[in-house]
N, C-alpha and C. Protein backbone atom coordinates (compact mmCIF):
# COMPACT_ATOMS: atom_id res chain seq x y z
N MET A 1 -58.54 50.76 -97.68
CA MET A 1 -57.19 50.80 -98.23
C MET A 1 -56.46 49.52 -97.83
N SER A 2 -55.66 49.04 -98.73
CA SER A 2 -54.94 47.80 -98.44
C SER A 2 -53.43 47.96 -98.42
N ASP A 3 -52.92 49.12 -98.74
CA ASP A 3 -51.48 49.33 -98.75
C ASP A 3 -50.93 49.31 -97.33
N LYS A 4 -49.70 48.83 -97.22
CA LYS A 4 -49.01 48.79 -95.94
C LYS A 4 -48.84 50.20 -95.38
N ILE A 5 -48.98 50.33 -94.07
CA ILE A 5 -48.79 51.61 -93.39
C ILE A 5 -47.42 51.61 -92.72
N THR A 6 -46.69 52.70 -92.90
CA THR A 6 -45.39 52.86 -92.26
C THR A 6 -45.37 54.22 -91.58
N ILE A 7 -44.91 54.22 -90.33
CA ILE A 7 -44.75 55.48 -89.60
C ILE A 7 -43.27 55.70 -89.34
N TYR A 8 -42.80 56.88 -89.72
CA TYR A 8 -41.44 57.31 -89.45
C TYR A 8 -41.52 58.21 -88.24
N GLN A 9 -40.84 57.82 -87.15
CA GLN A 9 -41.07 58.48 -85.89
C GLN A 9 -39.84 58.46 -84.99
N LYS A 10 -39.96 59.22 -83.90
CA LYS A 10 -38.95 59.27 -82.84
C LYS A 10 -39.68 58.90 -81.54
N PRO A 11 -39.27 57.83 -80.86
CA PRO A 11 -40.01 57.36 -79.70
C PRO A 11 -40.24 58.39 -78.59
N SER A 12 -39.35 59.34 -78.41
CA SER A 12 -39.52 60.32 -77.34
C SER A 12 -40.44 61.49 -77.73
N CYS A 13 -40.91 61.51 -78.95
CA CYS A 13 -41.78 62.59 -79.44
C CYS A 13 -43.23 62.33 -79.05
N SER A 14 -43.86 63.29 -78.39
CA SER A 14 -45.25 63.10 -77.94
C SER A 14 -46.23 62.96 -79.10
N LYS A 15 -46.02 63.69 -80.19
CA LYS A 15 -46.89 63.57 -81.37
C LYS A 15 -46.75 62.18 -82.00
N CYS A 16 -45.53 61.65 -81.99
CA CYS A 16 -45.29 60.31 -82.52
C CYS A 16 -46.01 59.27 -81.66
N ARG A 17 -45.90 59.39 -80.35
CA ARG A 17 -46.56 58.44 -79.46
C ARG A 17 -48.08 58.51 -79.62
N ALA A 18 -48.61 59.69 -79.77
CA ALA A 18 -50.07 59.83 -79.96
C ALA A 18 -50.50 59.23 -81.29
N THR A 19 -49.71 59.42 -82.33
CA THR A 19 -50.04 58.85 -83.64
C THR A 19 -49.94 57.33 -83.59
N LEU A 20 -48.92 56.81 -82.92
CA LEU A 20 -48.80 55.36 -82.74
C LEU A 20 -50.01 54.79 -82.00
N ALA A 21 -50.51 55.52 -81.01
CA ALA A 21 -51.69 55.07 -80.27
C ALA A 21 -52.91 54.98 -81.18
N ILE A 22 -53.11 55.99 -82.03
CA ILE A 22 -54.23 55.97 -82.97
C ILE A 22 -54.10 54.80 -83.93
N LEU A 23 -52.90 54.58 -84.44
CA LEU A 23 -52.68 53.44 -85.33
C LEU A 23 -52.96 52.12 -84.61
N GLY A 24 -52.50 52.00 -83.39
CA GLY A 24 -52.73 50.78 -82.61
C GLY A 24 -54.20 50.52 -82.38
N GLU A 25 -54.96 51.57 -82.06
CA GLU A 25 -56.40 51.44 -81.83
C GLU A 25 -57.17 51.13 -83.11
N SER A 26 -56.59 51.46 -84.26
CA SER A 26 -57.29 51.27 -85.53
C SER A 26 -57.41 49.81 -85.93
N GLY A 27 -56.54 48.96 -85.39
CA GLY A 27 -56.55 47.57 -85.78
C GLY A 27 -55.77 47.29 -87.06
N GLU A 28 -55.31 48.34 -87.72
CA GLU A 28 -54.53 48.19 -88.95
C GLU A 28 -53.10 47.74 -88.58
N GLN A 29 -52.52 46.91 -89.41
CA GLN A 29 -51.13 46.54 -89.22
C GLN A 29 -50.26 47.66 -89.77
N PHE A 30 -49.16 47.92 -89.09
CA PHE A 30 -48.25 48.98 -89.54
C PHE A 30 -46.84 48.66 -89.12
N GLU A 31 -45.91 49.29 -89.82
CA GLU A 31 -44.49 49.19 -89.48
C GLU A 31 -44.07 50.53 -88.89
N SER A 32 -43.35 50.47 -87.80
CA SER A 32 -42.84 51.66 -87.14
C SER A 32 -41.33 51.73 -87.35
N ILE A 33 -40.87 52.85 -87.90
CA ILE A 33 -39.44 53.04 -88.14
C ILE A 33 -38.96 54.24 -87.34
N ASN A 34 -38.08 53.97 -86.41
CA ASN A 34 -37.41 55.01 -85.65
C ASN A 34 -36.28 55.51 -86.54
N TYR A 35 -36.45 56.69 -87.14
CA TYR A 35 -35.45 57.13 -88.11
C TYR A 35 -34.19 57.70 -87.46
N TYR A 36 -34.09 57.55 -86.17
CA TYR A 36 -32.82 57.82 -85.49
C TYR A 36 -31.98 56.55 -85.45
N GLU A 37 -32.64 55.39 -85.36
CA GLU A 37 -31.93 54.11 -85.40
C GLU A 37 -31.72 53.62 -86.83
N THR A 38 -32.69 53.90 -87.69
CA THR A 38 -32.63 53.53 -89.11
C THR A 38 -32.70 54.84 -89.89
N PRO A 39 -31.57 55.49 -90.08
CA PRO A 39 -31.57 56.83 -90.69
C PRO A 39 -32.17 56.86 -92.10
N LEU A 40 -32.83 57.97 -92.38
CA LEU A 40 -33.35 58.20 -93.72
C LEU A 40 -32.18 58.49 -94.66
N THR A 41 -32.34 58.10 -95.90
CA THR A 41 -31.38 58.46 -96.93
C THR A 41 -31.91 59.69 -97.66
N VAL A 42 -31.09 60.30 -98.45
CA VAL A 42 -31.54 61.43 -99.28
C VAL A 42 -32.68 60.97 -100.19
N GLU A 43 -32.53 59.78 -100.78
CA GLU A 43 -33.56 59.25 -101.69
C GLU A 43 -34.87 59.03 -100.95
N LYS A 44 -34.81 58.44 -99.75
CA LYS A 44 -36.03 58.16 -98.98
C LYS A 44 -36.70 59.46 -98.55
N LEU A 45 -35.93 60.43 -98.10
CA LEU A 45 -36.52 61.71 -97.70
C LEU A 45 -37.15 62.41 -98.90
N ASN A 46 -36.50 62.37 -100.05
CA ASN A 46 -37.09 62.94 -101.26
C ASN A 46 -38.42 62.24 -101.59
N ASP A 47 -38.46 60.92 -101.46
CA ASP A 47 -39.67 60.15 -101.72
C ASP A 47 -40.79 60.56 -100.75
N LEU A 48 -40.45 60.72 -99.48
CA LEU A 48 -41.45 61.13 -98.49
C LEU A 48 -42.00 62.52 -98.81
N VAL A 49 -41.12 63.43 -99.18
CA VAL A 49 -41.55 64.80 -99.52
C VAL A 49 -42.53 64.76 -100.70
N LEU A 50 -42.23 63.95 -101.71
CA LEU A 50 -43.14 63.82 -102.86
C LEU A 50 -44.50 63.26 -102.44
N LYS A 51 -44.49 62.23 -101.61
CA LYS A 51 -45.74 61.63 -101.16
C LYS A 51 -46.54 62.57 -100.26
N LEU A 52 -45.85 63.40 -99.52
CA LEU A 52 -46.52 64.38 -98.67
C LEU A 52 -47.13 65.52 -99.49
N ASN A 53 -46.62 65.69 -100.70
CA ASN A 53 -47.04 66.81 -101.56
C ASN A 53 -46.76 68.15 -100.87
N LEU A 54 -45.59 68.20 -100.24
CA LEU A 54 -45.13 69.41 -99.56
C LEU A 54 -43.73 69.73 -100.09
N SER A 55 -43.26 70.91 -99.76
CA SER A 55 -41.88 71.24 -100.10
C SER A 55 -40.97 70.76 -98.97
N LEU A 56 -39.71 70.67 -99.27
CA LEU A 56 -38.73 70.28 -98.27
C LEU A 56 -38.78 71.24 -97.08
N ARG A 57 -38.92 72.51 -97.37
CA ARG A 57 -38.97 73.50 -96.28
C ARG A 57 -40.24 73.41 -95.45
N ASP A 58 -41.31 72.81 -96.02
CA ASP A 58 -42.55 72.62 -95.26
C ASP A 58 -42.38 71.58 -94.15
N ILE A 59 -41.43 70.67 -94.32
CA ILE A 59 -41.23 69.65 -93.28
C ILE A 59 -40.01 69.95 -92.41
N LEU A 60 -39.45 71.13 -92.57
CA LEU A 60 -38.32 71.57 -91.76
C LEU A 60 -38.85 72.12 -90.44
N ARG A 61 -38.33 71.62 -89.35
CA ARG A 61 -38.74 72.12 -88.03
C ARG A 61 -38.26 73.55 -87.87
N ASN A 62 -39.16 74.43 -87.50
CA ASN A 62 -38.85 75.84 -87.35
C ASN A 62 -38.13 76.17 -86.05
N ASP A 63 -38.24 75.29 -85.07
CA ASP A 63 -37.68 75.60 -83.76
C ASP A 63 -36.23 75.18 -83.60
N GLU A 64 -35.61 74.71 -84.64
CA GLU A 64 -34.19 74.33 -84.56
C GLU A 64 -33.34 75.58 -84.81
N SER A 65 -32.16 75.60 -84.24
CA SER A 65 -31.36 76.84 -84.21
C SER A 65 -30.45 77.06 -85.41
N MET A 66 -30.34 76.09 -86.29
CA MET A 66 -29.43 76.25 -87.43
C MET A 66 -29.99 77.28 -88.41
N ASP A 67 -29.11 78.07 -89.01
CA ASP A 67 -29.53 79.02 -90.03
C ASP A 67 -29.42 78.33 -91.39
N LEU A 68 -30.58 77.97 -91.95
CA LEU A 68 -30.62 77.18 -93.17
C LEU A 68 -31.21 77.93 -94.36
N ALA A 69 -31.52 79.19 -94.19
CA ALA A 69 -32.22 79.95 -95.22
C ALA A 69 -31.44 80.05 -96.53
N GLU A 70 -30.14 80.07 -96.46
CA GLU A 70 -29.32 80.27 -97.65
C GLU A 70 -29.03 78.98 -98.42
N LEU A 71 -29.42 77.83 -97.86
CA LEU A 71 -29.08 76.56 -98.49
C LEU A 71 -30.02 76.24 -99.66
N SER A 72 -29.47 75.61 -100.68
CA SER A 72 -30.30 75.09 -101.77
C SER A 72 -31.04 73.86 -101.24
N ASP A 73 -32.05 73.40 -101.96
CA ASP A 73 -32.76 72.20 -101.55
C ASP A 73 -31.83 70.99 -101.50
N ASP A 74 -30.92 70.88 -102.46
CA ASP A 74 -29.97 69.76 -102.46
C ASP A 74 -29.08 69.79 -101.21
N GLU A 75 -28.65 70.96 -100.82
CA GLU A 75 -27.84 71.09 -99.61
C GLU A 75 -28.69 70.84 -98.37
N LEU A 76 -29.90 71.39 -98.37
CA LEU A 76 -30.78 71.27 -97.22
C LEU A 76 -31.15 69.82 -96.93
N ILE A 77 -31.46 69.06 -97.96
CA ILE A 77 -31.86 67.67 -97.72
C ILE A 77 -30.72 66.87 -97.11
N LYS A 78 -29.51 67.14 -97.51
CA LYS A 78 -28.35 66.45 -96.92
C LYS A 78 -28.20 66.83 -95.45
N VAL A 79 -28.40 68.09 -95.14
CA VAL A 79 -28.32 68.54 -93.74
C VAL A 79 -29.42 67.88 -92.92
N MET A 80 -30.63 67.78 -93.48
CA MET A 80 -31.75 67.17 -92.76
C MET A 80 -31.50 65.68 -92.51
N VAL A 81 -30.97 64.98 -93.50
CA VAL A 81 -30.67 63.56 -93.34
C VAL A 81 -29.62 63.37 -92.24
N ASN A 82 -28.63 64.24 -92.20
CA ASN A 82 -27.59 64.13 -91.18
C ASN A 82 -28.00 64.66 -89.82
N ASN A 83 -29.10 65.41 -89.76
CA ASN A 83 -29.61 66.00 -88.51
C ASN A 83 -31.12 65.75 -88.44
N PRO A 84 -31.54 64.53 -88.10
CA PRO A 84 -32.97 64.20 -88.16
C PRO A 84 -33.86 65.04 -87.26
N ASP A 85 -33.29 65.73 -86.28
CA ASP A 85 -34.12 66.63 -85.46
C ASP A 85 -34.69 67.77 -86.29
N LEU A 86 -34.16 68.01 -87.47
CA LEU A 86 -34.66 69.08 -88.34
C LEU A 86 -35.95 68.70 -89.07
N ILE A 87 -36.32 67.42 -89.04
CA ILE A 87 -37.46 66.93 -89.81
C ILE A 87 -38.70 66.89 -88.93
N GLN A 88 -39.80 67.49 -89.43
CA GLN A 88 -41.08 67.40 -88.74
C GLN A 88 -41.47 65.93 -88.62
N ARG A 89 -42.13 65.57 -87.54
CA ARG A 89 -42.52 64.19 -87.32
C ARG A 89 -43.81 64.12 -86.54
N PRO A 90 -44.48 63.00 -86.63
CA PRO A 90 -44.20 61.80 -87.41
C PRO A 90 -44.73 61.94 -88.84
N ILE A 91 -44.19 61.11 -89.70
CA ILE A 91 -44.66 61.01 -91.08
C ILE A 91 -45.22 59.60 -91.26
N VAL A 92 -46.46 59.51 -91.73
CA VAL A 92 -47.09 58.22 -91.95
C VAL A 92 -47.36 58.07 -93.44
N VAL A 93 -47.00 56.89 -93.96
CA VAL A 93 -47.12 56.59 -95.39
C VAL A 93 -48.05 55.40 -95.58
N ARG A 94 -48.90 55.51 -96.59
CA ARG A 94 -49.71 54.38 -97.04
C ARG A 94 -49.79 54.47 -98.55
N GLY A 95 -49.14 53.51 -99.20
CA GLY A 95 -49.11 53.52 -100.66
C GLY A 95 -48.38 54.73 -101.17
N ASP A 96 -49.04 55.48 -102.06
CA ASP A 96 -48.40 56.67 -102.63
C ASP A 96 -48.82 57.95 -101.92
N GLN A 97 -49.44 57.80 -100.75
CA GLN A 97 -49.86 58.95 -99.95
C GLN A 97 -49.10 58.99 -98.63
N ALA A 98 -48.90 60.18 -98.12
CA ALA A 98 -48.27 60.34 -96.81
C ALA A 98 -48.89 61.56 -96.13
N ARG A 99 -48.82 61.54 -94.81
CA ARG A 99 -49.32 62.66 -94.03
C ARG A 99 -48.30 63.00 -92.95
N LEU A 100 -48.11 64.29 -92.75
CA LEU A 100 -47.37 64.77 -91.60
C LEU A 100 -48.40 64.82 -90.48
N CYS A 101 -48.20 64.04 -89.46
CA CYS A 101 -49.23 63.87 -88.42
C CYS A 101 -49.03 64.83 -87.27
N ARG A 102 -49.13 66.09 -87.62
CA ARG A 102 -49.14 67.21 -86.68
C ARG A 102 -50.36 68.04 -87.02
N PRO A 103 -51.48 67.79 -86.43
CA PRO A 103 -51.72 66.98 -85.24
C PRO A 103 -51.82 65.48 -85.56
N PRO A 104 -51.68 64.64 -84.52
CA PRO A 104 -51.72 63.19 -84.72
C PRO A 104 -52.97 62.69 -85.44
N GLU A 105 -54.08 63.38 -85.29
CA GLU A 105 -55.34 62.96 -85.91
C GLU A 105 -55.26 62.94 -87.44
N ASN A 106 -54.26 63.59 -88.01
CA ASN A 106 -54.09 63.56 -89.46
C ASN A 106 -53.93 62.13 -89.99
N VAL A 107 -53.48 61.22 -89.12
CA VAL A 107 -53.27 59.85 -89.55
C VAL A 107 -54.59 59.20 -89.97
N ARG A 108 -55.70 59.66 -89.45
CA ARG A 108 -57.01 59.08 -89.78
C ARG A 108 -57.32 59.20 -91.28
N GLU A 109 -56.72 60.18 -91.96
CA GLU A 109 -56.92 60.35 -93.39
C GLU A 109 -56.36 59.16 -94.19
N LEU A 110 -55.49 58.39 -93.58
CA LEU A 110 -54.89 57.24 -94.26
C LEU A 110 -55.51 55.91 -93.83
N LEU A 111 -56.43 55.95 -92.89
CA LEU A 111 -57.03 54.71 -92.38
C LEU A 111 -58.30 54.36 -93.13
């Protein structure tokens, strides 16, 4: 594969650090985006969801305390963008494909 690799991550997340280690060992060049410092937009999160081939609710962290069951997808995505802790991580993108790297070894599918 020749497409650029981008990882959307949070530095304090153990799964993110493990995925970064796998990427580093691979020898592939990649861009790392801390989406707490460079927040995702609604458009970017929608794009990631499409590339992941998952639903918005599939990337919603279950262990967060907010009650989000009644929200529409349009409302939910805005809440997720404003509260990045609600988003499963890390997400790695290569071209038109993306993987939720939980477990971190999922990143190997893009290498």
